[in-house]
Amino acid sequence: MPTIYIIIAVFVLQIYQIDGNVLSSEETIAGSQSKQLSRRKGLTFIKWGHLVPYGIDLVGCRDWTNPNGFNCDPYNGDTDCNEQRTVLCAKTDNSPRPPYLVLGNGAAMPAAFYVGWTLGHISTTLPVAGSSFRNRAAVDAYCAQYFGTGWRVATFHDGKFIRNMNGTTYAGESWTTNASRMEIGGWSYYTFGNVRNDVRSWVHITDQPANCWNN
């Protein structure tokens, strides 16, 4: 083989090979980092309920149906970023809130704060290390690659609520016509979907340093 072709072949191999591992297109879109993040933790959610009549999931910090449930940590992260978890992806399409019930008395905030409505849908990817992503834009692109335009990584504060919403109160059309009264919730929320409940999923939080990636 002429010398010039050998040089070109080596150059091309170096472009597509890093540390002996050929990058897949999925890793490229995810923004694979050359150095793994050590001891950094990211925030995760889990599905802990599904209401069949409305086709909606309840996802959040902890599965409260499990007495040994794992708590998330929205302040420091709860899962090693080098571990593989699904990414919880979301798409907002302004779907009105179904008439699900809001139970309990709440805590620091009204009960509705903890079971807000996302105005859309969720789905999950295959498991991936949180350290694969450089920034939030890379995670959003990963979700869009899986599910299409408008999909992004789900966030801790995706749930919206209207004070005193419950059942048919502020559901359907009355939810939409009172959009100006919506407030931002947190910790858990309802959304259209039926994702797996056997694994925790990476989510994003905007106002705390609890992500595996840069904001």
N, C-alpha and C. Protein backbone atom coordinates (compact mmCIF):
# COMPACT_ATOMS: atom_id res chain seq x y z
N MET A 1 0.86 -1.20 0.00
CA MET A 1 0.00 0.00 0.00
C MET A 1 0.89 1.24 0.00
N PRO A 2 0.63 2.21 -0.88
CA PRO A 2 1.45 3.42 -0.91
C PRO A 2 1.42 4.11 0.44
N THR A 3 2.53 4.79 0.76
CA THR A 3 2.67 5.46 2.06
C THR A 3 1.56 6.46 2.32
N ILE A 4 1.15 7.21 1.30
CA ILE A 4 0.13 8.25 1.48
C ILE A 4 -1.18 7.66 1.98
N TYR A 5 -1.56 6.45 1.49
CA TYR A 5 -2.81 5.83 1.92
C TYR A 5 -2.71 5.33 3.35
N ILE A 6 -1.52 4.87 3.74
CA ILE A 6 -1.33 4.42 5.12
C ILE A 6 -1.50 5.59 6.08
N ILE A 7 -0.94 6.74 5.73
CA ILE A 7 -1.05 7.94 6.58
C ILE A 7 -2.50 8.36 6.71
N ILE A 8 -3.23 8.37 5.58
CA ILE A 8 -4.64 8.76 5.61
C ILE A 8 -5.45 7.79 6.46
N ALA A 9 -5.18 6.49 6.32
CA ALA A 9 -5.92 5.48 7.08
C ALA A 9 -5.70 5.67 8.58
N VAL A 10 -4.47 5.94 8.99
CA VAL A 10 -4.17 6.15 10.40
C VAL A 10 -4.87 7.40 10.91
N PHE A 11 -4.89 8.45 10.09
CA PHE A 11 -5.53 9.71 10.48
C PHE A 11 -7.03 9.52 10.70
N VAL A 12 -7.68 8.80 9.77
CA VAL A 12 -9.12 8.55 9.89
C VAL A 12 -9.41 7.70 11.12
N LEU A 13 -8.58 6.70 11.39
CA LEU A 13 -8.77 5.85 12.56
C LEU A 13 -8.67 6.66 13.84
N GLN A 14 -7.76 7.63 13.88
CA GLN A 14 -7.61 8.46 15.07
C GLN A 14 -8.83 9.34 15.29
N ILE A 15 -9.46 9.77 14.20
CA ILE A 15 -10.65 10.61 14.33
C ILE A 15 -11.80 9.84 14.96
N TYR A 16 -11.99 8.59 14.55
CA TYR A 16 -13.15 7.81 14.99
C TYR A 16 -12.87 6.93 16.19
N GLN A 17 -11.66 6.97 16.71
CA GLN A 17 -11.33 6.10 17.84
C GLN A 17 -10.73 6.93 18.97
N ILE A 18 -11.28 6.79 20.17
CA ILE A 18 -10.78 7.50 21.34
C ILE A 18 -10.54 6.49 22.43
N ASP A 19 -9.29 6.42 22.92
CA ASP A 19 -8.93 5.48 23.98
C ASP A 19 -9.32 4.05 23.64
N GLY A 20 -9.23 3.69 22.37
CA GLY A 20 -9.50 2.31 21.97
C GLY A 20 -10.96 2.00 21.79
N ASN A 21 -11.88 2.98 21.99
CA ASN A 21 -13.31 2.74 21.85
C ASN A 21 -13.86 3.57 20.70
N VAL A 22 -14.46 2.91 19.73
CA VAL A 22 -15.05 3.61 18.61
C VAL A 22 -16.33 4.28 19.07
N LEU A 23 -16.47 5.57 18.80
CA LEU A 23 -17.65 6.30 19.23
C LEU A 23 -18.83 5.95 18.34
N SER A 24 -19.96 5.63 18.96
CA SER A 24 -21.18 5.42 18.19
C SER A 24 -21.83 6.76 17.94
N SER A 25 -22.79 6.83 17.01
CA SER A 25 -23.49 8.08 16.75
C SER A 25 -24.25 8.52 17.99
N GLU A 26 -24.74 7.55 18.78
CA GLU A 26 -25.49 7.87 19.99
C GLU A 26 -24.59 8.58 20.99
N GLU A 27 -23.34 8.09 21.14
CA GLU A 27 -22.42 8.72 22.08
C GLU A 27 -22.05 10.12 21.62
N THR A 28 -21.93 10.30 20.29
CA THR A 28 -21.56 11.60 19.77
C THR A 28 -22.64 12.62 20.07
N ILE A 29 -23.91 12.26 19.84
CA ILE A 29 -25.01 13.17 20.11
C ILE A 29 -25.12 13.44 21.59
N ALA A 30 -24.85 12.44 22.41
CA ALA A 30 -24.92 12.63 23.85
C ALA A 30 -23.82 13.54 24.36
N GLY A 31 -22.80 13.77 23.55
CA GLY A 31 -21.71 14.64 23.99
C GLY A 31 -20.77 13.89 24.91
N SER A 32 -20.31 12.71 24.48
CA SER A 32 -19.46 11.88 25.33
C SER A 32 -18.22 12.64 25.77
N GLN A 33 -17.91 12.58 27.04
CA GLN A 33 -16.78 13.30 27.58
C GLN A 33 -15.55 12.42 27.60
N SER A 34 -14.39 13.03 27.38
CA SER A 34 -13.15 12.27 27.34
C SER A 34 -12.73 11.81 28.73
N LYS A 35 -13.19 12.52 29.75
CA LYS A 35 -12.87 12.14 31.12
C LYS A 35 -14.17 11.89 31.89
N GLN A 36 -14.26 10.76 32.54
CA GLN A 36 -15.43 10.46 33.35
C GLN A 36 -15.43 11.32 34.61
N LEU A 37 -16.62 11.78 35.00
CA LEU A 37 -16.74 12.59 36.20
C LEU A 37 -16.64 11.69 37.42
N SER A 38 -15.72 11.98 38.31
CA SER A 38 -15.53 11.14 39.49
C SER A 38 -16.27 11.72 40.68
N ARG A 39 -17.00 10.86 41.36
CA ARG A 39 -17.71 11.19 42.59
C ARG A 39 -18.80 12.25 42.40
N ARG A 40 -19.13 12.61 41.20
CA ARG A 40 -20.21 13.55 40.97
C ARG A 40 -21.52 12.77 40.91
N LYS A 41 -22.58 13.36 41.43
CA LYS A 41 -23.87 12.68 41.45
C LYS A 41 -24.92 13.51 40.73
N GLY A 42 -25.89 12.80 40.15
CA GLY A 42 -26.97 13.46 39.43
C GLY A 42 -28.32 13.12 40.03
N LEU A 43 -29.31 13.91 39.68
CA LEU A 43 -30.66 13.76 40.21
C LEU A 43 -31.46 12.74 39.41
N THR A 44 -32.22 11.89 40.10
CA THR A 44 -33.05 10.89 39.43
C THR A 44 -34.47 10.91 40.00
N PHE A 45 -35.42 10.51 39.15
CA PHE A 45 -36.82 10.32 39.53
C PHE A 45 -37.20 8.86 39.28
N ILE A 46 -38.34 8.46 39.84
CA ILE A 46 -38.87 7.13 39.58
C ILE A 46 -40.39 7.20 39.45
N LYS A 47 -40.94 6.32 38.65
CA LYS A 47 -42.40 6.22 38.54
C LYS A 47 -42.93 5.47 39.75
N TRP A 48 -43.98 6.02 40.39
CA TRP A 48 -44.55 5.31 41.53
C TRP A 48 -46.06 5.24 41.49
N GLY A 49 -46.63 5.52 40.34
CA GLY A 49 -48.07 5.36 40.20
C GLY A 49 -48.50 5.50 38.75
N HIS A 50 -49.63 4.88 38.42
CA HIS A 50 -50.21 5.01 37.08
C HIS A 50 -51.73 4.94 37.22
N LEU A 51 -52.42 5.92 36.68
CA LEU A 51 -53.88 5.95 36.71
C LEU A 51 -54.40 5.54 35.34
N VAL A 52 -54.85 4.29 35.25
CA VAL A 52 -55.30 3.73 33.97
C VAL A 52 -56.42 4.54 33.32
N PRO A 53 -57.44 5.00 34.07
CA PRO A 53 -58.54 5.72 33.41
C PRO A 53 -58.09 6.95 32.62
N TYR A 54 -56.99 7.56 33.05
CA TYR A 54 -56.52 8.78 32.38
C TYR A 54 -55.24 8.56 31.57
N GLY A 55 -54.63 7.39 31.72
CA GLY A 55 -53.38 7.13 31.00
C GLY A 55 -52.23 7.99 31.46
N ILE A 56 -52.18 8.25 32.78
CA ILE A 56 -51.15 9.15 33.30
C ILE A 56 -50.28 8.46 34.35
N ASP A 57 -49.02 8.85 34.38
CA ASP A 57 -48.06 8.37 35.36
C ASP A 57 -47.86 9.40 36.46
N LEU A 58 -47.51 8.92 37.63
CA LEU A 58 -47.04 9.77 38.72
C LEU A 58 -45.56 9.46 38.90
N VAL A 59 -44.71 10.43 38.62
CA VAL A 59 -43.26 10.24 38.75
C VAL A 59 -42.73 11.26 39.74
N GLY A 60 -41.64 10.90 40.42
CA GLY A 60 -41.10 11.84 41.38
C GLY A 60 -39.89 11.33 42.12
N CYS A 61 -39.62 11.98 43.22
CA CYS A 61 -38.41 11.76 44.00
C CYS A 61 -38.34 10.35 44.58
N ARG A 62 -39.48 9.84 45.06
CA ARG A 62 -39.47 8.57 45.78
C ARG A 62 -40.73 7.77 45.47
N ASP A 63 -40.58 6.45 45.45
CA ASP A 63 -41.72 5.55 45.35
C ASP A 63 -42.28 5.34 46.75
N TRP A 64 -43.33 6.09 47.07
CA TRP A 64 -43.87 6.04 48.43
C TRP A 64 -44.68 4.78 48.70
N THR A 65 -44.91 3.95 47.67
CA THR A 65 -45.57 2.66 47.89
C THR A 65 -44.59 1.61 48.39
N ASN A 66 -43.29 1.93 48.33
CA ASN A 66 -42.24 1.02 48.77
C ASN A 66 -41.70 1.50 50.11
N PRO A 67 -41.90 0.73 51.20
CA PRO A 67 -41.43 1.17 52.52
C PRO A 67 -39.92 1.35 52.59
N ASN A 68 -39.21 0.72 51.68
CA ASN A 68 -37.75 0.88 51.62
C ASN A 68 -37.34 1.77 50.45
N GLY A 69 -38.24 2.65 50.06
CA GLY A 69 -38.01 3.50 48.89
C GLY A 69 -36.77 4.37 49.01
N PHE A 70 -36.22 4.69 47.87
CA PHE A 70 -34.98 5.47 47.76
C PHE A 70 -35.35 6.94 47.56
N ASN A 71 -34.81 7.82 48.39
CA ASN A 71 -35.07 9.25 48.25
C ASN A 71 -34.12 9.88 47.24
N CYS A 72 -34.64 10.79 46.44
CA CYS A 72 -33.75 11.56 45.57
C CYS A 72 -33.10 12.67 46.39
N ASP A 73 -32.11 13.32 45.81
CA ASP A 73 -31.45 14.45 46.45
C ASP A 73 -31.33 15.59 45.44
N PRO A 74 -32.29 16.52 45.45
CA PRO A 74 -32.27 17.61 44.46
C PRO A 74 -31.25 18.70 44.76
N TYR A 75 -30.52 18.56 45.85
CA TYR A 75 -29.53 19.57 46.22
C TYR A 75 -28.10 19.15 45.85
N ASN A 76 -27.82 17.85 45.97
CA ASN A 76 -26.47 17.36 45.71
C ASN A 76 -26.41 16.23 44.69
N GLY A 77 -27.58 15.76 44.23
CA GLY A 77 -27.61 14.58 43.38
C GLY A 77 -27.65 13.33 44.23
N ASP A 78 -28.16 12.24 43.69
CA ASP A 78 -28.33 11.01 44.47
C ASP A 78 -27.73 9.77 43.83
N THR A 79 -27.30 9.86 42.58
CA THR A 79 -26.81 8.68 41.86
C THR A 79 -25.50 9.01 41.16
N ASP A 80 -24.51 8.13 41.33
CA ASP A 80 -23.21 8.31 40.69
C ASP A 80 -23.39 8.52 39.18
N CYS A 81 -22.78 9.56 38.66
CA CYS A 81 -22.96 9.93 37.25
C CYS A 81 -22.40 8.90 36.28
N ASN A 82 -21.53 8.02 36.75
CA ASN A 82 -20.99 6.99 35.87
C ASN A 82 -21.90 5.77 35.78
N GLU A 83 -22.93 5.72 36.61
CA GLU A 83 -23.90 4.63 36.52
C GLU A 83 -24.86 4.88 35.37
N GLN A 84 -25.41 3.81 34.83
CA GLN A 84 -26.33 3.93 33.71
C GLN A 84 -27.77 3.94 34.19
N ARG A 85 -28.50 4.96 33.77
CA ARG A 85 -29.92 5.10 34.07
C ARG A 85 -30.62 5.56 32.80
N THR A 86 -31.91 5.31 32.71
CA THR A 86 -32.67 5.86 31.60
C THR A 86 -32.76 7.38 31.77
N VAL A 87 -32.98 8.09 30.68
CA VAL A 87 -33.25 9.52 30.75
C VAL A 87 -34.76 9.70 30.67
N LEU A 88 -35.31 10.46 31.61
CA LEU A 88 -36.74 10.77 31.57
C LEU A 88 -36.91 11.98 30.64
N CYS A 89 -37.59 11.75 29.53
CA CYS A 89 -37.78 12.79 28.53
C CYS A 89 -39.22 13.29 28.58
N ALA A 90 -39.42 14.55 28.21
CA ALA A 90 -40.75 15.16 28.30
C ALA A 90 -41.04 16.00 27.06
N LYS A 91 -42.32 16.11 26.76
CA LYS A 91 -42.77 17.01 25.70
C LYS A 91 -44.01 17.75 26.19
N THR A 92 -43.95 19.06 26.18
CA THR A 92 -45.07 19.88 26.61
C THR A 92 -45.92 20.25 25.40
N ASP A 93 -47.21 19.92 25.46
CA ASP A 93 -48.11 20.25 24.34
C ASP A 93 -49.38 20.93 24.83
N ASN A 94 -49.32 21.44 26.08
CA ASN A 94 -50.45 22.17 26.68
C ASN A 94 -51.70 21.32 26.86
N SER A 95 -51.51 20.03 27.07
CA SER A 95 -52.65 19.16 27.38
C SER A 95 -53.29 19.60 28.69
N PRO A 96 -54.62 19.72 28.74
CA PRO A 96 -55.29 20.11 29.98
C PRO A 96 -55.19 19.01 31.04
N ARG A 97 -55.28 19.40 32.28
CA ARG A 97 -55.15 18.44 33.39
C ARG A 97 -56.35 17.51 33.45
N PRO A 98 -56.10 16.18 33.52
CA PRO A 98 -57.19 15.23 33.77
C PRO A 98 -57.72 15.41 35.19
N PRO A 99 -58.93 14.94 35.49
CA PRO A 99 -59.53 15.18 36.81
C PRO A 99 -59.06 14.21 37.89
N TYR A 100 -57.75 14.04 38.03
CA TYR A 100 -57.25 13.17 39.09
C TYR A 100 -57.41 13.87 40.44
N LEU A 101 -57.46 13.05 41.50
CA LEU A 101 -57.65 13.58 42.84
C LEU A 101 -56.33 14.03 43.45
N VAL A 102 -56.39 15.06 44.25
CA VAL A 102 -55.25 15.54 45.02
C VAL A 102 -55.51 15.18 46.47
N LEU A 103 -54.73 14.25 47.00
CA LEU A 103 -54.97 13.73 48.35
C LEU A 103 -53.96 14.28 49.34
N GLY A 104 -54.31 14.26 50.62
CA GLY A 104 -53.39 14.69 51.66
C GLY A 104 -53.46 16.18 51.94
N ASN A 105 -52.67 16.59 52.92
CA ASN A 105 -52.68 17.98 53.37
C ASN A 105 -51.45 18.77 52.93
N GLY A 106 -50.54 18.13 52.20
CA GLY A 106 -49.33 18.82 51.80
C GLY A 106 -48.32 18.88 52.94
N ALA A 107 -47.33 19.72 52.78
CA ALA A 107 -46.29 19.87 53.81
C ALA A 107 -45.92 21.35 53.88
N ALA A 108 -44.72 21.69 53.44
CA ALA A 108 -44.35 23.11 53.41
C ALA A 108 -45.17 23.87 52.38
N MET A 109 -45.67 23.15 51.38
CA MET A 109 -46.50 23.73 50.32
C MET A 109 -47.83 22.98 50.26
N PRO A 110 -48.83 23.53 49.57
CA PRO A 110 -50.11 22.83 49.44
C PRO A 110 -49.94 21.48 48.76
N ALA A 111 -50.87 20.57 49.02
CA ALA A 111 -50.77 19.22 48.47
C ALA A 111 -50.64 19.24 46.95
N ALA A 112 -51.32 20.16 46.28
CA ALA A 112 -51.28 20.21 44.82
C ALA A 112 -49.88 20.51 44.29
N PHE A 113 -49.06 21.17 45.09
CA PHE A 113 -47.68 21.48 44.69
C PHE A 113 -46.92 20.19 44.36
N TYR A 114 -47.21 19.13 45.11
CA TYR A 114 -46.47 17.87 45.00
C TYR A 114 -47.05 16.90 43.97
N VAL A 115 -48.19 17.24 43.39
CA VAL A 115 -48.80 16.38 42.36
C VAL A 115 -49.28 17.26 41.20
N GLY A 116 -48.41 18.15 40.76
CA GLY A 116 -48.75 19.05 39.66
C GLY A 116 -48.94 18.31 38.35
N TRP A 117 -49.26 19.08 37.32
CA TRP A 117 -49.53 18.54 35.99
C TRP A 117 -48.51 19.12 35.01
N THR A 118 -47.95 18.28 34.12
CA THR A 118 -46.87 18.73 33.23
C THR A 118 -47.35 19.34 31.93
N LEU A 119 -48.64 19.26 31.64
CA LEU A 119 -49.19 19.74 30.37
C LEU A 119 -48.64 18.96 29.17
N GLY A 120 -48.31 17.68 29.40
CA GLY A 120 -47.75 16.93 28.28
C GLY A 120 -47.48 15.48 28.59
N HIS A 121 -46.42 14.95 27.98
CA HIS A 121 -46.12 13.53 27.99
C HIS A 121 -44.68 13.26 28.43
N ILE A 122 -44.44 12.02 28.88
CA ILE A 122 -43.08 11.58 29.18
C ILE A 122 -42.80 10.25 28.50
N SER A 123 -41.52 9.94 28.36
CA SER A 123 -41.06 8.64 27.90
C SER A 123 -39.63 8.47 28.39
N THR A 124 -39.08 7.28 28.26
CA THR A 124 -37.71 7.04 28.73
C THR A 124 -36.86 6.43 27.63
N THR A 125 -35.57 6.73 27.68
CA THR A 125 -34.59 6.18 26.74
C THR A 125 -34.05 4.87 27.29
N LEU A 126 -33.12 4.28 26.57
CA LEU A 126 -32.35 3.18 27.11
C LEU A 126 -31.37 3.73 28.15
N PRO A 127 -30.88 2.89 29.06
CA PRO A 127 -29.95 3.38 30.09
C PRO A 127 -28.67 3.96 29.48
N VAL A 128 -28.19 5.03 30.10
CA VAL A 128 -26.98 5.72 29.65
C VAL A 128 -26.34 6.37 30.87
N ALA A 129 -25.02 6.47 30.88
CA ALA A 129 -24.33 7.13 31.99
C ALA A 129 -24.62 8.63 31.96
N GLY A 130 -24.91 9.20 33.12
CA GLY A 130 -25.15 10.64 33.18
C GLY A 130 -23.92 11.43 32.78
N SER A 131 -22.74 10.86 32.99
CA SER A 131 -21.49 11.54 32.65
C SER A 131 -21.26 11.61 31.14
N SER A 132 -22.15 10.99 30.35
CA SER A 132 -22.02 11.04 28.89
C SER A 132 -22.35 12.41 28.32
N PHE A 133 -23.04 13.25 29.12
CA PHE A 133 -23.55 14.51 28.60
C PHE A 133 -22.73 15.70 29.10
N ARG A 134 -22.38 16.60 28.18
CA ARG A 134 -21.60 17.78 28.55
C ARG A 134 -22.47 18.83 29.22
N ASN A 135 -23.70 19.00 28.75
CA ASN A 135 -24.57 20.06 29.25
C ASN A 135 -26.02 19.68 29.00
N ARG A 136 -26.92 20.55 29.46
CA ARG A 136 -28.34 20.23 29.30
C ARG A 136 -28.73 20.15 27.83
N ALA A 137 -28.14 20.99 27.00
CA ALA A 137 -28.47 20.96 25.57
C ALA A 137 -28.20 19.59 24.98
N ALA A 138 -27.14 18.92 25.45
CA ALA A 138 -26.82 17.58 24.95
C ALA A 138 -27.87 16.56 25.38
N VAL A 139 -28.39 16.70 26.61
CA VAL A 139 -29.43 15.78 27.08
C VAL A 139 -30.72 16.03 26.31
N ASP A 140 -31.05 17.30 26.08
CA ASP A 140 -32.24 17.62 25.29
C ASP A 140 -32.14 17.02 23.89
N ALA A 141 -30.95 17.13 23.29
CA ALA A 141 -30.75 16.58 21.95
C ALA A 141 -30.89 15.07 21.95
N TYR A 142 -30.45 14.44 23.03
CA TYR A 142 -30.55 12.99 23.17
C TYR A 142 -32.02 12.56 23.18
N CYS A 143 -32.85 13.30 23.92
CA CYS A 143 -34.29 13.00 23.95
C CYS A 143 -34.92 13.22 22.58
N ALA A 144 -34.53 14.30 21.91
CA ALA A 144 -35.07 14.59 20.58
C ALA A 144 -34.66 13.53 19.57
N GLN A 145 -33.46 12.97 19.74
CA GLN A 145 -33.01 11.90 18.86
C GLN A 145 -33.91 10.67 19.01
N TYR A 146 -34.29 10.38 20.23
CA TYR A 146 -35.14 9.21 20.50
C TYR A 146 -36.58 9.42 20.05
N PHE A 147 -37.16 10.58 20.37
CA PHE A 147 -38.61 10.72 20.27
C PHE A 147 -39.08 11.81 19.31
N GLY A 148 -38.18 12.66 18.84
CA GLY A 148 -38.58 13.65 17.84
C GLY A 148 -38.54 15.08 18.35
N THR A 149 -38.89 15.99 17.46
CA THR A 149 -38.86 17.42 17.75
C THR A 149 -39.75 17.77 18.94
N GLY A 150 -39.25 18.64 19.80
CA GLY A 150 -40.03 19.10 20.94
C GLY A 150 -39.78 18.33 22.22
N TRP A 151 -39.10 17.18 22.11
CA TRP A 151 -38.79 16.40 23.30
C TRP A 151 -37.50 16.92 23.93
N ARG A 152 -37.44 16.87 25.26
CA ARG A 152 -36.31 17.38 26.03
C ARG A 152 -36.21 16.57 27.31
N VAL A 153 -35.16 16.80 28.09
CA VAL A 153 -35.05 16.12 29.37
C VAL A 153 -36.10 16.68 30.33
N ALA A 154 -36.74 15.80 31.08
CA ALA A 154 -37.70 16.23 32.09
C ALA A 154 -36.97 16.93 33.24
N THR A 155 -37.67 17.81 33.94
CA THR A 155 -37.04 18.55 35.03
C THR A 155 -37.79 18.34 36.34
N PHE A 156 -37.12 18.70 37.40
CA PHE A 156 -37.67 18.58 38.76
C PHE A 156 -38.92 19.43 38.92
N HIS A 157 -38.98 20.56 38.22
CA HIS A 157 -40.08 21.52 38.38
C HIS A 157 -41.05 21.52 37.20
N ASP A 158 -41.18 20.42 36.48
CA ASP A 158 -42.09 20.39 35.33
C ASP A 158 -43.56 20.47 35.73
N GLY A 159 -43.89 20.05 36.94
CA GLY A 159 -45.29 20.06 37.38
C GLY A 159 -45.81 21.47 37.62
N LYS A 160 -47.02 21.73 37.16
CA LYS A 160 -47.70 23.01 37.42
C LYS A 160 -48.98 22.72 38.21
N PHE A 161 -49.35 23.66 39.06
CA PHE A 161 -50.57 23.47 39.85
C PHE A 161 -51.32 24.78 40.00
N ILE A 162 -52.61 24.66 40.26
CA ILE A 162 -53.45 25.80 40.61
C ILE A 162 -53.98 25.52 42.01
N ARG A 163 -53.84 26.47 42.89
CA ARG A 163 -54.29 26.25 44.26
C ARG A 163 -55.75 25.83 44.30
N ASN A 164 -56.02 24.82 45.13
CA ASN A 164 -57.36 24.23 45.31
C ASN A 164 -57.80 23.35 44.15
N MET A 165 -56.91 23.06 43.21
CA MET A 165 -57.28 22.10 42.16
C MET A 165 -57.48 20.73 42.79
N ASN A 166 -58.49 20.01 42.33
CA ASN A 166 -58.76 18.67 42.86
C ASN A 166 -59.91 18.08 42.06
N GLY A 167 -59.74 16.85 41.59
CA GLY A 167 -60.79 16.23 40.80
C GLY A 167 -61.13 17.10 39.60
N THR A 168 -62.42 17.41 39.45
CA THR A 168 -62.85 18.20 38.30
C THR A 168 -62.61 19.70 38.48
N THR A 169 -62.24 20.13 39.68
CA THR A 169 -61.93 21.54 39.90
C THR A 169 -60.59 21.88 39.25
N TYR A 170 -60.60 22.79 38.33
CA TYR A 170 -59.43 23.16 37.53
C TYR A 170 -58.89 21.96 36.74
N ALA A 171 -59.78 21.27 36.08
CA ALA A 171 -59.41 20.19 35.17
C ALA A 171 -60.07 20.46 33.82
N GLY A 172 -59.54 19.85 32.78
CA GLY A 172 -60.12 20.04 31.46
C GLY A 172 -60.10 21.49 31.02
N GLU A 173 -61.24 21.98 30.53
CA GLU A 173 -61.31 23.34 30.01
C GLU A 173 -61.03 24.39 31.08
N SER A 174 -61.47 24.13 32.33
CA SER A 174 -61.25 25.12 33.38
C SER A 174 -59.77 25.24 33.74
N TRP A 175 -59.00 24.18 33.50
CA TRP A 175 -57.55 24.26 33.68
C TRP A 175 -56.95 25.22 32.66
N THR A 176 -57.37 25.06 31.42
CA THR A 176 -56.82 25.88 30.34
C THR A 176 -57.21 27.34 30.48
N THR A 177 -58.46 27.61 30.84
CA THR A 177 -58.92 29.00 30.94
C THR A 177 -58.35 29.72 32.16
N ASN A 178 -57.79 28.96 33.09
CA ASN A 178 -57.18 29.57 34.28
C ASN A 178 -55.66 29.44 34.27
N ALA A 179 -55.09 29.40 33.08
CA ALA A 179 -53.65 29.21 32.94
C ALA A 179 -52.85 30.29 33.66
N SER A 180 -53.39 31.48 33.77
CA SER A 180 -52.67 32.57 34.43
C SER A 180 -52.50 32.33 35.93
N ARG A 181 -53.24 31.38 36.48
CA ARG A 181 -53.16 31.09 37.91
C ARG A 181 -52.21 29.94 38.23
N MET A 182 -51.60 29.36 37.21
CA MET A 182 -50.70 28.23 37.43
C MET A 182 -49.45 28.66 38.17
N GLU A 183 -48.99 27.78 39.06
CA GLU A 183 -47.74 27.97 39.78
C GLU A 183 -46.84 26.76 39.54
N ILE A 184 -45.57 26.92 39.83
CA ILE A 184 -44.60 25.84 39.60
C ILE A 184 -44.56 24.93 40.82
N GLY A 185 -44.67 23.62 40.57
CA GLY A 185 -44.60 22.64 41.64
C GLY A 185 -43.23 21.97 41.70
N GLY A 186 -43.16 20.86 42.43
CA GLY A 186 -41.89 20.15 42.54
C GLY A 186 -42.03 18.83 43.26
N TRP A 187 -40.97 18.04 43.25
CA TRP A 187 -40.82 16.75 43.92
C TRP A 187 -41.52 15.61 43.21
N SER A 188 -42.70 15.81 42.66
CA SER A 188 -43.37 14.78 41.87
C SER A 188 -44.48 15.43 41.06
N TYR A 189 -44.96 14.72 40.05
CA TYR A 189 -46.04 15.27 39.22
C TYR A 189 -46.66 14.18 38.36
N TYR A 190 -47.87 14.50 37.87
CA TYR A 190 -48.58 13.63 36.94
C TYR A 190 -48.31 14.08 35.51
N THR A 191 -48.35 13.12 34.59
CA THR A 191 -48.10 13.40 33.18
C THR A 191 -48.61 12.24 32.34
N PHE A 192 -48.98 12.49 31.10
CA PHE A 192 -49.36 11.39 30.22
C PHE A 192 -48.15 10.49 29.97
N GLY A 193 -48.37 9.18 30.02
CA GLY A 193 -47.30 8.23 29.78
C GLY A 193 -47.52 6.94 30.55
N ASN A 194 -46.67 5.98 30.26
CA ASN A 194 -46.69 4.71 30.98
C ASN A 194 -45.28 4.13 30.91
N VAL A 195 -44.35 4.79 31.61
CA VAL A 195 -42.95 4.40 31.56
C VAL A 195 -42.67 3.25 32.52
N ARG A 196 -41.50 2.66 32.41
CA ARG A 196 -41.12 1.56 33.28
C ARG A 196 -40.94 2.07 34.71
N ASN A 197 -41.16 1.17 35.68
CA ASN A 197 -41.05 1.57 37.09
C ASN A 197 -40.00 0.77 37.84
N ASP A 198 -39.11 0.11 37.09
CA ASP A 198 -38.10 -0.73 37.73
C ASP A 198 -36.73 -0.08 37.75
N VAL A 199 -36.63 1.15 37.33
CA VAL A 199 -35.33 1.83 37.31
C VAL A 199 -35.56 3.33 37.48
N ARG A 200 -34.62 3.99 38.13
CA ARG A 200 -34.68 5.43 38.27
C ARG A 200 -34.15 6.08 37.00
N SER A 201 -34.58 7.30 36.73
CA SER A 201 -34.24 7.98 35.48
C SER A 201 -33.60 9.34 35.76
N TRP A 202 -32.62 9.70 34.93
CA TRP A 202 -32.00 11.02 35.05
C TRP A 202 -33.02 12.12 34.73
N VAL A 203 -33.04 13.15 35.56
CA VAL A 203 -33.82 14.35 35.29
C VAL A 203 -32.93 15.57 35.55
N HIS A 204 -33.40 16.73 35.15
CA HIS A 204 -32.62 17.96 35.29
C HIS A 204 -33.25 18.85 36.35
N ILE A 205 -32.41 19.58 37.07
CA ILE A 205 -32.89 20.62 37.97
C ILE A 205 -32.12 21.89 37.67
N THR A 206 -32.85 23.00 37.55
CA THR A 206 -32.25 24.24 37.07
C THR A 206 -31.55 25.03 38.17
N ASP A 207 -32.11 25.02 39.38
CA ASP A 207 -31.65 25.95 40.41
C ASP A 207 -30.77 25.32 41.48
N GLN A 208 -30.26 24.10 41.23
CA GLN A 208 -29.39 23.44 42.20
C GLN A 208 -28.26 22.72 41.47
N PRO A 209 -27.10 22.53 42.12
CA PRO A 209 -25.97 21.84 41.49
C PRO A 209 -26.08 20.32 41.63
N ALA A 210 -27.17 19.75 41.12
CA ALA A 210 -27.42 18.32 41.31
C ALA A 210 -27.52 17.58 39.98
N ASN A 211 -26.86 18.10 38.95
CA ASN A 211 -26.89 17.46 37.63
C ASN A 211 -25.54 16.84 37.31
N CYS A 212 -25.57 15.82 36.47
CA CYS A 212 -24.31 15.22 36.00
C CYS A 212 -23.66 16.07 34.92
N TRP A 213 -24.38 17.01 34.39
CA TRP A 213 -23.92 17.85 33.29
C TRP A 213 -23.98 19.32 33.70
N ASN A 214 -23.37 20.17 32.91
CA ASN A 214 -23.43 21.60 33.16
C ASN A 214 -24.77 22.15 32.70
N ASN A 215 -25.25 23.18 33.40
CA ASN A 215 -26.54 23.77 33.04
C ASN A 215 -26.49 24.48 31.70
